Amino acid sequence: MRKILVVSLCFCLIGCATWPSGISKTRDKLLEIEIGMSKNEVITIMGRPYKREAYTISEGATMEFLIYLTEYTYSGRIPDEDTTPICFLNGEVNGWGRNFYHQQKKQYEIEVK
């Protein structure tokens, strides 16, 4: 029983130690993103996103956000401020960052309830 507890604690500590370094690598990868890239190109660079949102905005046009964890404030729940959204308009990157995300949602009147 004690052995299981020690092994479990080791895995927990290893996971906690690697979490921030993984976030740092994700931030570094953001420097490789360019306007006009496809979703597949971004996923190849960035890996799997933390979260995803997709919307039809007008006459069949689509807007999608791949949201990556780029900060961690150790607050338990992950606040939006700890993430960086990458925005795709009709399948191509047209911007990224928290301010851009809010600007696009306001411009296209996207409201999530």
PDB file of N, CA and C in Angstrom:
ATOM      1  N   MET A   1       0.830  -1.196   0.000  1.00  0.00           N
ATOM      2  CA  MET A   1       0.000   0.000   0.000  1.00  0.00           C
ATOM      3  C   MET A   1       0.872   1.258   0.000  1.00  0.00           C
ATOM      4  N   ARG A   2       1.883   1.229   0.864  1.00  0.00           N
ATOM      5  CA  ARG A   2       2.771   2.393   0.964  1.00  0.00           C
ATOM      6  C   ARG A   2       3.515   2.617  -0.354  1.00  0.00           C
ATOM      7  N   LYS A   3       3.896   1.512  -0.999  1.00  0.00           N
ATOM      8  CA  LYS A   3       4.610   1.585  -2.274  1.00  0.00           C
ATOM      9  C   LYS A   3       3.735   2.257  -3.341  1.00  0.00           C
ATOM     10  N   ILE A   4       2.468   1.909  -3.381  1.00  0.00           N
ATOM     11  CA  ILE A   4       1.529   2.505  -4.339  1.00  0.00           C
ATOM     12  C   ILE A   4       1.400   3.999  -4.089  1.00  0.00           C
ATOM     13  N   LEU A   5       1.317   4.401  -2.834  1.00  0.00           N
ATOM     14  CA  LEU A   5       1.213   5.813  -2.483  1.00  0.00           C
ATOM     15  C   LEU A   5       2.450   6.584  -2.935  1.00  0.00           C
ATOM     16  N   VAL A   6       3.624   6.025  -2.725  1.00  0.00           N
ATOM     17  CA  VAL A   6       4.875   6.677  -3.127  1.00  0.00           C
ATOM     18  C   VAL A   6       4.947   6.811  -4.639  1.00  0.00           C
ATOM     19  N   VAL A   7       4.595   5.769  -5.364  1.00  0.00           N
ATOM     20  CA  VAL A   7       4.617   5.810  -6.835  1.00  0.00           C
ATOM     21  C   VAL A   7       3.620   6.846  -7.343  1.00  0.00           C
ATOM     22  N   SER A   8       2.440   6.870  -6.774  1.00  0.00           N
ATOM     23  CA  SER A   8       1.427   7.850  -7.169  1.00  0.00           C
ATOM     24  C   SER A   8       1.911   9.275  -6.932  1.00  0.00           C
ATOM     25  N   LEU A   9       2.535   9.512  -5.798  1.00  0.00           N
ATOM     26  CA  LEU A   9       3.061  10.828  -5.472  1.00  0.00           C
ATOM     27  C   LEU A   9       4.145  11.239  -6.463  1.00  0.00           C
ATOM     28  N   CYS A  10       4.996  10.302  -6.852  1.00  0.00           N
ATOM     29  CA  CYS A  10       6.059  10.598  -7.832  1.00  0.00           C
ATOM     30  C   CYS A  10       5.464  11.014  -9.166  1.00  0.00           C
ATOM     31  N   PHE A  11       4.446  10.298  -9.642  1.00  0.00           N
ATOM     32  CA  PHE A  11       3.812  10.659 -10.913  1.00  0.00           C
ATOM     33  C   PHE A  11       3.170  12.036 -10.828  1.00  0.00           C
ATOM     34  N   CYS A  12       2.555  12.324  -9.710  1.00  0.00           N
ATOM     35  CA  CYS A  12       1.937  13.640  -9.511  1.00  0.00           C
ATOM     36  C   CYS A  12       2.992  14.742  -9.571  1.00  0.00           C
ATOM     37  N   LEU A  13       4.090  14.552  -8.884  1.00  0.00           N
ATOM     38  CA  LEU A  13       5.154  15.560  -8.867  1.00  0.00           C
ATOM     39  C   LEU A  13       5.789  15.734 -10.241  1.00  0.00           C
ATOM     40  N   ILE A  14       5.981  14.646 -10.968  1.00  0.00           N
ATOM     41  CA  ILE A  14       6.542  14.731 -12.318  1.00  0.00           C
ATOM     42  C   ILE A  14       5.587  15.503 -13.217  1.00  0.00           C
ATOM     43  N   GLY A  15       4.292  15.221 -13.134  1.00  0.00           N
ATOM     44  CA  GLY A  15       3.294  15.934 -13.934  1.00  0.00           C
ATOM     45  C   GLY A  15       3.273  17.417 -13.619  1.00  0.00           C
ATOM     46  N   CYS A  16       3.348  17.768 -12.358  1.00  0.00           N
ATOM     47  CA  CYS A  16       3.346  19.178 -11.962  1.00  0.00           C
ATOM     48  C   CYS A  16       4.608  19.888 -12.428  1.00  0.00           C
ATOM     49  N   ALA A  17       5.715  19.186 -12.417  1.00  0.00           N
ATOM     50  CA  ALA A  17       6.980  19.800 -12.815  1.00  0.00           C
ATOM     51  C   ALA A  17       7.038  20.047 -14.317  1.00  0.00           C
ATOM     52  N   THR A  18       6.422  19.175 -15.124  1.00  0.00           N
ATOM     53  CA  THR A  18       6.499  19.333 -16.575  1.00  0.00           C
ATOM     54  C   THR A  18       5.421  20.260 -17.114  1.00  0.00           C
ATOM     55  N   TRP A  19       4.359  20.492 -16.401  1.00  0.00           N
ATOM     56  CA  TRP A  19       3.255  21.335 -16.865  1.00  0.00           C
ATOM     57  C   TRP A  19       3.733  22.718 -17.293  1.00  0.00           C
ATOM     58  N   PRO A  20       4.426  23.493 -16.457  1.00  0.00           N
ATOM     59  CA  PRO A  20       4.872  24.825 -16.874  1.00  0.00           C
ATOM     60  C   PRO A  20       5.836  24.812 -18.052  1.00  0.00           C
ATOM     61  N   SER A  21       6.722  23.830 -18.141  1.00  0.00           N
ATOM     62  CA  SER A  21       7.662  23.799 -19.258  1.00  0.00           C
ATOM     63  C   SER A  21       6.931  23.521 -20.568  1.00  0.00           C
ATOM     64  N   GLY A  22       5.888  22.712 -20.530  1.00  0.00           N
ATOM     65  CA  GLY A  22       5.076  22.472 -21.727  1.00  0.00           C
ATOM     66  C   GLY A  22       4.382  23.738 -22.183  1.00  0.00           C
ATOM     67  N   ILE A  23       3.928  24.535 -21.240  1.00  0.00           N
ATOM     68  CA  ILE A  23       3.280  25.805 -21.552  1.00  0.00           C
ATOM     69  C   ILE A  23       4.287  26.764 -22.177  1.00  0.00           C
ATOM     70  N   SER A  24       5.489  26.778 -21.669  1.00  0.00           N
ATOM     71  CA  SER A  24       6.541  27.633 -22.217  1.00  0.00           C
ATOM     72  C   SER A  24       6.829  27.258 -23.670  1.00  0.00           C
ATOM     73  N   LYS A  25       6.868  25.966 -23.970  1.00  0.00           N
ATOM     74  CA  LYS A  25       7.091  25.507 -25.342  1.00  0.00           C
ATOM     75  C   LYS A  25       5.939  25.937 -26.249  1.00  0.00           C
ATOM     76  N   THR A  26       4.718  25.887 -25.744  1.00  0.00           N
ATOM     77  CA  THR A  26       3.562  26.321 -26.527  1.00  0.00           C
ATOM     78  C   THR A  26       3.672  27.802 -26.851  1.00  0.00           C
ATOM     79  N   ARG A  27       4.070  28.612 -25.881  1.00  0.00           N
ATOM     80  CA  ARG A  27       4.267  30.056 -26.130  1.00  0.00           C
ATOM     81  C   ARG A  27       5.321  30.273 -27.198  1.00  0.00           C
ATOM     82  N   ASP A  28       6.424  29.531 -27.128  1.00  0.00           N
ATOM     83  CA  ASP A  28       7.490  29.657 -28.121  1.00  0.00           C
ATOM     84  C   ASP A  28       7.000  29.293 -29.519  1.00  0.00           C
ATOM     85  N   LYS A  29       6.153  28.277 -29.608  1.00  0.00           N
ATOM     86  CA  LYS A  29       5.629  27.845 -30.909  1.00  0.00           C
ATOM     87  C   LYS A  29       4.736  28.908 -31.545  1.00  0.00           C
ATOM     88  N   LEU A  30       4.103  29.750 -30.726  1.00  0.00           N
ATOM     89  CA  LEU A  30       3.265  30.831 -31.274  1.00  0.00           C
ATOM     90  C   LEU A  30       4.053  31.736 -32.220  1.00  0.00           C
ATOM     91  N   LEU A  31       5.361  31.844 -32.002  1.00  0.00           N
ATOM     92  CA  LEU A  31       6.204  32.691 -32.852  1.00  0.00           C
ATOM     93  C   LEU A  31       6.304  32.156 -34.280  1.00  0.00           C
ATOM     94  N   GLU A  32       5.931  30.904 -34.492  1.00  0.00           N
ATOM     95  CA  GLU A  32       5.988  30.296 -35.817  1.00  0.00           C
ATOM     96  C   GLU A  32       4.694  30.471 -36.609  1.00  0.00           C
ATOM     97  N   ILE A  33       3.647  30.938 -35.968  1.00  0.00           N
ATOM     98  CA  ILE A  33       2.350  31.093 -36.623  1.00  0.00           C
ATOM     99  C   ILE A  33       2.361  32.331 -37.514  1.00  0.00           C
ATOM    100  N   GLU A  34       1.760  32.196 -38.697  1.00  0.00           N
ATOM    101  CA  GLU A  34       1.685  33.298 -39.665  1.00  0.00           C
ATOM    102  C   GLU A  34       0.254  33.466 -40.162  1.00  0.00           C
ATOM    103  N   ILE A  35      -0.117  34.687 -40.481  1.00  0.00           N
ATOM    104  CA  ILE A  35      -1.411  34.965 -41.095  1.00  0.00           C
ATOM    105  C   ILE A  35      -1.505  34.165 -42.400  1.00  0.00           C
ATOM    106  N   GLY A  36      -2.676  33.564 -42.640  1.00  0.00           N
ATOM    107  CA  GLY A  36      -2.902  32.806 -43.863  1.00  0.00           C
ATOM    108  C   GLY A  36      -2.625  31.316 -43.751  1.00  0.00           C
ATOM    109  N   MET A  37      -2.022  30.873 -42.631  1.00  0.00           N
ATOM    110  CA  MET A  37      -1.771  29.438 -42.458  1.00  0.00           C
ATOM    111  C   MET A  37      -3.084  28.678 -42.346  1.00  0.00           C
ATOM    112  N   SER A  38      -3.060  27.427 -42.763  1.00  0.00           N
ATOM    113  CA  SER A  38      -4.240  26.572 -42.636  1.00  0.00           C
ATOM    114  C   SER A  38      -4.321  26.010 -41.211  1.00  0.00           C
ATOM    115  N   LYS A  39      -5.474  25.482 -40.880  1.00  0.00           N
ATOM    116  CA  LYS A  39      -5.676  24.856 -39.573  1.00  0.00           C
ATOM    117  C   LYS A  39      -4.714  23.682 -39.394  1.00  0.00           C
ATOM    118  N   ASN A  40      -4.541  22.879 -40.429  1.00  0.00           N
ATOM    119  CA  ASN A  40      -3.629  21.726 -40.336  1.00  0.00           C
ATOM    120  C   ASN A  40      -2.190  22.169 -40.090  1.00  0.00           C
ATOM    121  N   GLU A  41      -1.759  23.258 -40.734  1.00  0.00           N
ATOM    122  CA  GLU A  41      -0.400  23.763 -40.511  1.00  0.00           C
ATOM    123  C   GLU A  41      -0.226  24.195 -39.059  1.00  0.00           C
ATOM    124  N   VAL A  42      -1.227  24.871 -38.520  1.00  0.00           N
ATOM    125  CA  VAL A  42      -1.153  25.337 -37.128  1.00  0.00           C
ATOM    126  C   VAL A  42      -1.114  24.156 -36.168  1.00  0.00           C
ATOM    127  N   ILE A  43      -1.957  23.165 -36.383  1.00  0.00           N
ATOM    128  CA  ILE A  43      -1.977  22.004 -35.491  1.00  0.00           C
ATOM    129  C   ILE A  43      -0.650  21.240 -35.579  1.00  0.00           C
ATOM    130  N   THR A  44      -0.053  21.192 -36.765  1.00  0.00           N
ATOM    131  CA  THR A  44       1.254  20.550 -36.907  1.00  0.00           C
ATOM    132  C   THR A  44       2.297  21.258 -36.050  1.00  0.00           C
ATOM    133  N   ILE A  45       2.252  22.581 -35.998  1.00  0.00           N
ATOM    134  CA  ILE A  45       3.208  23.367 -35.210  1.00  0.00           C
ATOM    135  C   ILE A  45       2.866  23.336 -33.724  1.00  0.00           C
ATOM    136  N   MET A  46       1.608  23.620 -33.415  1.00  0.00           N
ATOM    137  CA  MET A  46       1.196  23.834 -32.027  1.00  0.00           C
ATOM    138  C   MET A  46       0.785  22.565 -31.281  1.00  0.00           C
ATOM    139  N   GLY A  47       0.332  21.554 -32.004  1.00  0.00           N
ATOM    140  CA  GLY A  47      -0.217  20.370 -31.360  1.00  0.00           C
ATOM    141  C   GLY A  47      -1.709  20.542 -31.110  1.00  0.00           C
ATOM    142  N   ARG A  48      -2.246  19.645 -30.354  1.00  0.00           N
ATOM    143  CA  ARG A  48      -3.678  19.647 -30.054  1.00  0.00           C
ATOM    144  C   ARG A  48      -4.038  20.825 -29.150  1.00  0.00           C
ATOM    145  N   PRO A  49      -5.120  21.551 -29.478  1.00  0.00           N
ATOM    146  CA  PRO A  49      -5.508  22.696 -28.638  1.00  0.00           C
ATOM    147  C   PRO A  49      -6.151  22.255 -27.325  1.00  0.00           C
ATOM    148  N   TYR A  50      -6.128  23.168 -26.373  1.00  0.00           N
ATOM    149  CA  TYR A  50      -6.786  22.961 -25.079  1.00  0.00           C
ATOM    150  C   TYR A  50      -8.308  22.965 -25.263  1.00  0.00           C
ATOM    151  N   LYS A  51      -8.767  23.841 -26.162  1.00  0.00           N
ATOM    152  CA  LYS A  51     -10.197  24.053 -26.371  1.00  0.00           C
ATOM    153  C   LYS A  51     -10.414  24.494 -27.817  1.00  0.00           C
ATOM    154  N   ARG A  52     -11.657  24.378 -28.299  1.00  0.00           N
ATOM    155  CA  ARG A  52     -11.987  24.784 -29.659  1.00  0.00           C
ATOM    156  C   ARG A  52     -13.381  25.391 -29.676  1.00  0.00           C
ATOM    157  N   GLU A  53     -13.544  26.463 -30.460  1.00  0.00           N
ATOM    158  CA  GLU A  53     -14.859  27.073 -30.677  1.00  0.00           C
ATOM    159  C   GLU A  53     -15.022  27.280 -32.176  1.00  0.00           C
ATOM    160  N   ALA A  54     -16.237  27.096 -32.698  1.00  0.00           N
ATOM    161  CA  ALA A  54     -16.492  27.310 -34.121  1.00  0.00           C
ATOM    162  C   ALA A  54     -17.863  27.954 -34.298  1.00  0.00           C
ATOM    163  N   TYR A  55     -17.946  28.881 -35.260  1.00  0.00           N
ATOM    164  CA  TYR A  55     -19.175  29.635 -35.503  1.00  0.00           C
ATOM    165  C   TYR A  55     -19.379  29.832 -37.003  1.00  0.00           C
ATOM    166  N   THR A  56     -20.648  29.876 -37.420  1.00  0.00           N
ATOM    167  CA  THR A  56     -20.984  30.354 -38.756  1.00  0.00           C
ATOM    168  C   THR A  56     -21.320  31.824 -38.553  1.00  0.00           C
ATOM    169  N   ILE A  57     -20.618  32.715 -39.262  1.00  0.00           N
ATOM    170  CA  ILE A  57     -20.778  34.135 -38.968  1.00  0.00           C
ATOM    171  C   ILE A  57     -21.665  34.879 -39.965  1.00  0.00           C
ATOM    172  N   SER A  58     -21.614  34.529 -41.252  1.00  0.00           N
ATOM    173  CA  SER A  58     -22.505  35.167 -42.227  1.00  0.00           C
ATOM    174  C   SER A  58     -22.422  34.447 -43.555  1.00  0.00           C
ATOM    175  N   GLU A  59     -23.563  34.189 -44.135  1.00  0.00           N
ATOM    176  CA  GLU A  59     -23.674  33.581 -45.460  1.00  0.00           C
ATOM    177  C   GLU A  59     -22.681  32.438 -45.683  1.00  0.00           C
ATOM    178  N   GLY A  60     -22.579  31.544 -44.726  1.00  0.00           N
ATOM    179  CA  GLY A  60     -21.732  30.377 -44.861  1.00  0.00           C
ATOM    180  C   GLY A  60     -20.287  30.564 -44.451  1.00  0.00           C
ATOM    181  N   ALA A  61     -19.877  31.780 -44.151  1.00  0.00           N
ATOM    182  CA  ALA A  61     -18.506  32.011 -43.689  1.00  0.00           C
ATOM    183  C   ALA A  61     -18.352  31.404 -42.293  1.00  0.00           C
ATOM    184  N   THR A  62     -17.178  30.864 -42.033  1.00  0.00           N
ATOM    185  CA  THR A  62     -16.949  30.243 -40.727  1.00  0.00           C
ATOM    186  C   THR A  62     -15.810  30.917 -39.996  1.00  0.00           C
ATOM    187  N   MET A  63     -15.941  30.960 -38.690  1.00  0.00           N
ATOM    188  CA  MET A  63     -14.889  31.457 -37.812  1.00  0.00           C
ATOM    189  C   MET A  63     -14.651  30.377 -36.765  1.00  0.00           C
ATOM    190  N   GLU A  64     -13.386  30.035 -36.595  1.00  0.00           N
ATOM    191  CA  GLU A  64     -13.031  28.995 -35.638  1.00  0.00           C
ATOM    192  C   GLU A  64     -11.858  29.487 -34.797  1.00  0.00           C
ATOM    193  N   PHE A  65     -11.883  29.130 -33.527  1.00  0.00           N
ATOM    194  CA  PHE A  65     -10.800  29.461 -32.610  1.00  0.00           C
ATOM    195  C   PHE A  65     -10.222  28.177 -32.043  1.00  0.00           C
ATOM    196  N   LEU A  66      -8.917  27.987 -32.219  1.00  0.00           N
ATOM    197  CA  LEU A  66      -8.204  26.941 -31.493  1.00  0.00           C
ATOM    198  C   LEU A  66      -7.553  27.644 -30.317  1.00  0.00           C
ATOM    199  N   ILE A  67      -7.831  27.178 -29.124  1.00  0.00           N
ATOM    200  CA  ILE A  67      -7.414  27.879 -27.918  1.00  0.00           C
ATOM    201  C   ILE A  67      -6.354  27.046 -27.198  1.00  0.00           C
ATOM    202  N   TYR A  68      -5.186  27.667 -27.009  1.00  0.00           N
ATOM    203  CA  TYR A  68      -4.039  26.991 -26.410  1.00  0.00           C
ATOM    204  C   TYR A  68      -3.733  27.566 -25.030  1.00  0.00           C
ATOM    205  N   LEU A  69      -3.314  26.691 -24.134  1.00  0.00           N
ATOM    206  CA  LEU A  69      -2.906  27.085 -22.790  1.00  0.00           C
ATOM    207  C   LEU A  69      -1.489  27.657 -22.874  1.00  0.00           C
ATOM    208  N   THR A  70      -1.329  28.940 -22.536  1.00  0.00           N
ATOM    209  CA  THR A  70      -0.029  29.608 -22.656  1.00  0.00           C
ATOM    210  C   THR A  70       0.445  30.241 -21.353  1.00  0.00           C
ATOM    211  N   GLU A  71      -0.334  30.161 -20.316  1.00  0.00           N
ATOM    212  CA  GLU A  71       0.038  30.619 -18.971  1.00  0.00           C
ATOM    213  C   GLU A  71      -0.600  29.640 -17.997  1.00  0.00           C
ATOM    214  N   TYR A  72      -0.089  29.630 -16.790  1.00  0.00           N
ATOM    215  CA  TYR A  72      -0.755  28.866 -15.743  1.00  0.00           C
ATOM    216  C   TYR A  72      -0.506  29.563 -14.425  1.00  0.00           C
ATOM    217  N   THR A  73      -1.583  30.077 -13.847  1.00  0.00           N
ATOM    218  CA  THR A  73      -1.467  30.878 -12.629  1.00  0.00           C
ATOM    219  C   THR A  73      -1.722  30.061 -11.353  1.00  0.00           C
ATOM    220  N   TYR A  74      -1.807  28.749 -11.494  1.00  0.00           N
ATOM    221  CA  TYR A  74      -1.993  27.864 -10.347  1.00  0.00           C
ATOM    222  C   TYR A  74      -3.220  28.226  -9.514  1.00  0.00           C
ATOM    223  N   SER A  75      -4.275  28.606 -10.197  1.00  0.00           N
ATOM    224  CA  SER A  75      -5.476  29.021  -9.478  1.00  0.00           C
ATOM    225  C   SER A  75      -6.520  27.915  -9.408  1.00  0.00           C
ATOM    226  N   GLY A  76      -6.169  26.709  -9.790  1.00  0.00           N
ATOM    227  CA  GLY A  76      -7.155  25.631  -9.814  1.00  0.00           C
ATOM    228  C   GLY A  76      -7.818  25.594 -11.174  1.00  0.00           C
ATOM    229  N   ARG A  77      -8.885  26.331 -11.327  1.00  0.00           N
ATOM    230  CA  ARG A  77      -9.586  26.456 -12.606  1.00  0.00           C
ATOM    231  C   ARG A  77      -8.744  27.301 -13.555  1.00  0.00           C
ATOM    232  N   ILE A  78      -8.702  26.955 -14.831  1.00  0.00           N
ATOM    233  CA  ILE A  78      -7.891  27.698 -15.798  1.00  0.00           C
ATOM    234  C   ILE A  78      -8.689  28.890 -16.317  1.00  0.00           C
ATOM    235  N   PRO A  79      -8.259  30.112 -15.982  1.00  0.00           N
ATOM    236  CA  PRO A  79      -8.988  31.304 -16.456  1.00  0.00           C
ATOM    237  C   PRO A  79      -8.674  31.582 -17.932  1.00  0.00           C
ATOM    238  N   ASP A  80      -9.583  32.278 -18.606  1.00  0.00           N
ATOM    239  CA  ASP A  80      -9.399  32.625 -20.022  1.00  0.00           C
ATOM    240  C   ASP A  80      -8.092  33.363 -20.260  1.00  0.00           C
ATOM    241  N   GLU A  81      -7.661  34.155 -19.300  1.00  0.00           N
ATOM    242  CA  GLU A  81      -6.441  34.944 -19.440  1.00  0.00           C
ATOM    243  C   GLU A  81      -5.192  34.068 -19.573  1.00  0.00           C
ATOM    244  N   ASP A  82      -5.296  32.804 -19.201  1.00  0.00           N
ATOM    245  CA  ASP A  82      -4.167  31.879 -19.306  1.00  0.00           C
ATOM    246  C   ASP A  82      -4.118  31.186 -20.671  1.00  0.00           C
ATOM    247  N   THR A  83      -5.010  31.574 -21.578  1.00  0.00           N
ATOM    248  CA  THR A  83      -5.074  30.931 -22.884  1.00  0.00           C
ATOM    249  C   THR A  83      -4.836  31.945 -24.002  1.00  0.00           C
ATOM    250  N   THR A  84      -4.407  31.420 -25.156  1.00  0.00           N
ATOM    251  CA  THR A  84      -4.230  32.236 -26.353  1.00  0.00           C
ATOM    252  C   THR A  84      -5.037  31.609 -27.482  1.00  0.00           C
ATOM    253  N   PRO A  85      -6.076  32.309 -27.952  1.00  0.00           N
ATOM    254  CA  PRO A  85      -6.858  31.801 -29.079  1.00  0.00           C
ATOM    255  C   PRO A  85      -6.168  32.127 -30.411  1.00  0.00           C
ATOM    256  N   ILE A  86      -6.236  31.190 -31.349  1.00  0.00           N
ATOM    257  CA  ILE A  86      -5.807  31.424 -32.720  1.00  0.00           C
ATOM    258  C   ILE A  86      -7.073  31.392 -33.556  1.00  0.00           C
ATOM    259  N   CYS A  87      -7.309  32.451 -34.311  1.00  0.00           N
ATOM    260  CA  CYS A  87      -8.560  32.616 -35.059  1.00  0.00           C
ATOM    261  C   CYS A  87      -8.384  32.239 -36.523  1.00  0.00           C
ATOM    262  N   PHE A  88      -9.334  31.475 -37.033  1.00  0.00           N
ATOM    263  CA  PHE A  88      -9.367  31.088 -38.438  1.00  0.00           C
ATOM    264  C   PHE A  88     -10.633  31.633 -39.069  1.00  0.00           C
ATOM    265  N   LEU A  89     -10.496  32.337 -40.170  1.00  0.00           N
ATOM    266  CA  LEU A  89     -11.644  32.794 -40.946  1.00  0.00           C
ATOM    267  C   LEU A  89     -11.629  31.989 -42.233  1.00  0.00           C
ATOM    268  N   ASN A  90     -12.677  31.185 -42.427  1.00  0.00           N
ATOM    269  CA  ASN A  90     -12.773  30.286 -43.584  1.00  0.00           C
ATOM    270  C   ASN A  90     -11.531  29.408 -43.733  1.00  0.00           C
ATOM    271  N   GLY A  91     -11.046  28.899 -42.606  1.00  0.00           N
ATOM    272  CA  GLY A  91      -9.977  27.916 -42.624  1.00  0.00           C
ATOM    273  C   GLY A  91      -8.557  28.454 -42.635  1.00  0.00           C
ATOM    274  N   GLU A  92      -8.394  29.787 -42.615  1.00  0.00           N
ATOM    275  CA  GLU A  92      -7.046  30.368 -42.604  1.00  0.00           C
ATOM    276  C   GLU A  92      -6.877  31.282 -41.403  1.00  0.00           C
ATOM    277  N   VAL A  93      -5.672  31.296 -40.846  1.00  0.00           N
ATOM    278  CA  VAL A  93      -5.378  32.165 -39.704  1.00  0.00           C
ATOM    279  C   VAL A  93      -5.568  33.618 -40.130  1.00  0.00           C
ATOM    280  N   ASN A  94      -6.354  34.344 -39.357  1.00  0.00           N
ATOM    281  CA  ASN A  94      -6.477  35.788 -39.608  1.00  0.00           C
ATOM    282  C   ASN A  94      -6.091  36.603 -38.382  1.00  0.00           C
ATOM    283  N   GLY A  95      -5.608  35.938 -37.323  1.00  0.00           N
ATOM    284  CA  GLY A  95      -5.119  36.650 -36.145  1.00  0.00           C
ATOM    285  C   GLY A  95      -5.099  35.735 -34.940  1.00  0.00           C
ATOM    286  N   TRP A  96      -4.473  36.198 -33.862  1.00  0.00           N
ATOM    287  CA  TRP A  96      -4.442  35.428 -32.621  1.00  0.00           C
ATOM    288  C   TRP A  96      -4.228  36.367 -31.444  1.00  0.00           C
ATOM    289  N   GLY A  97      -4.482  35.822 -30.275  1.00  0.00           N
ATOM    290  CA  GLY A  97      -4.335  36.589 -29.038  1.00  0.00           C
ATOM    291  C   GLY A  97      -5.680  36.895 -28.419  1.00  0.00           C
ATOM    292  N   ARG A  98      -5.656  37.146 -27.124  1.00  0.00           N
ATOM    293  CA  ARG A  98      -6.884  37.389 -26.365  1.00  0.00           C
ATOM    294  C   ARG A  98      -7.611  38.646 -26.847  1.00  0.00           C
ATOM    295  N   ASN A  99      -6.892  39.733 -27.128  1.00  0.00           N
ATOM    296  CA  ASN A  99      -7.544  40.967 -27.605  1.00  0.00           C
ATOM    297  C   ASN A  99      -8.193  40.762 -28.969  1.00  0.00           C
ATOM    298  N   PHE A 100      -7.495  40.073 -29.865  1.00  0.00           N
ATOM    299  CA  PHE A 100      -8.046  39.788 -31.186  1.00  0.00           C
ATOM    300  C   PHE A 100      -9.304  38.940 -31.076  1.00  0.00           C
ATOM    301  N   TYR A 101      -9.273  37.968 -30.192  1.00  0.00           N
ATOM    302  CA  TYR A 101     -10.423  37.089 -29.937  1.00  0.00           C
ATOM    303  C   TYR A 101     -11.646  37.922 -29.554  1.00  0.00           C
ATOM    304  N   HIS A 102     -11.477  38.819 -28.588  1.00  0.00           N
ATOM    305  CA  HIS A 102     -12.599  39.655 -28.151  1.00  0.00           C
ATOM    306  C   HIS A 102     -13.057  40.604 -29.266  1.00  0.00           C
ATOM    307  N   GLN A 103     -12.120  41.149 -30.007  1.00  0.00           N
ATOM    308  CA  GLN A 103     -12.453  42.039 -31.120  1.00  0.00           C
ATOM    309  C   GLN A 103     -13.294  41.309 -32.177  1.00  0.00           C
ATOM    310  N   GLN A 104     -12.902  40.096 -32.531  1.00  0.00           N
ATOM    311  CA  GLN A 104     -13.637  39.331 -33.537  1.00  0.00           C
ATOM    312  C   GLN A 104     -15.026  38.956 -33.042  1.00  0.00           C
ATOM    313  N   LYS A 105     -15.139  38.541 -31.811  1.00  0.00           N
ATOM    314  CA  LYS A 105     -16.444  38.171 -31.263  1.00  0.00           C
ATOM    315  C   LYS A 105     -17.369  39.378 -31.214  1.00  0.00           C
ATOM    316  N   LYS A 106     -16.801  40.545 -30.919  1.00  0.00           N
ATOM    317  CA  LYS A 106     -17.606  41.767 -30.899  1.00  0.00           C
ATOM    318  C   LYS A 106     -17.999  42.161 -32.330  1.00  0.00           C
ATOM    319  N   GLN A 107     -17.040  42.139 -33.248  1.00  0.00           N
ATOM    320  CA  GLN A 107     -17.295  42.545 -34.635  1.00  0.00           C
ATOM    321  C   GLN A 107     -18.382  41.679 -35.279  1.00  0.00           C
ATOM    322  N   TYR A 108     -18.348  40.387 -35.033  1.00  0.00           N
ATOM    323  CA  TYR A 108     -19.307  39.467 -35.639  1.00  0.00           C
ATOM    324  C   TYR A 108     -20.482  39.157 -34.717  1.00  0.00           C
ATOM    325  N   GLU A 109     -20.570  39.890 -33.625  1.00  0.00           N
ATOM    326  CA  GLU A 109     -21.675  39.776 -32.658  1.00  0.00           C
ATOM    327  C   GLU A 109     -21.889  38.334 -32.205  1.00  0.00           C
ATOM    328  N   ILE A 110     -20.780  37.688 -31.835  1.00  0.00           N
ATOM    329  CA  ILE A 110     -20.828  36.324 -31.310  1.00  0.00           C
ATOM    330  C   ILE A 110     -20.939  36.417 -29.803  1.00  0.00           C
ATOM    331  N   GLU A 111     -22.009  35.836 -29.290  1.00  0.00           N
ATOM    332  CA  GLU A 111     -22.214  35.848 -27.843  1.00  0.00           C
ATOM    333  C   GLU A 111     -22.564  34.443 -27.380  1.00  0.00           C
ATOM    334  N   VAL A 112     -21.806  33.947 -26.447  1.00  0.00           N
ATOM    335  CA  VAL A 112     -22.068  32.613 -25.902  1.00  0.00           C
ATOM    336  C   VAL A 112     -22.770  32.782 -24.571  1.00  0.00           C
ATOM    337  N   LYS A 113     -23.878  32.105 -24.418  1.00  0.00           N
ATOM    338  CA  LYS A 113     -24.649  32.231 -23.179  1.00  0.00           C
ATOM    339  C   LYS A 113     -24.443  31.042 -22.311  1.00  0.00           C
TER     340      LYS A 113
END
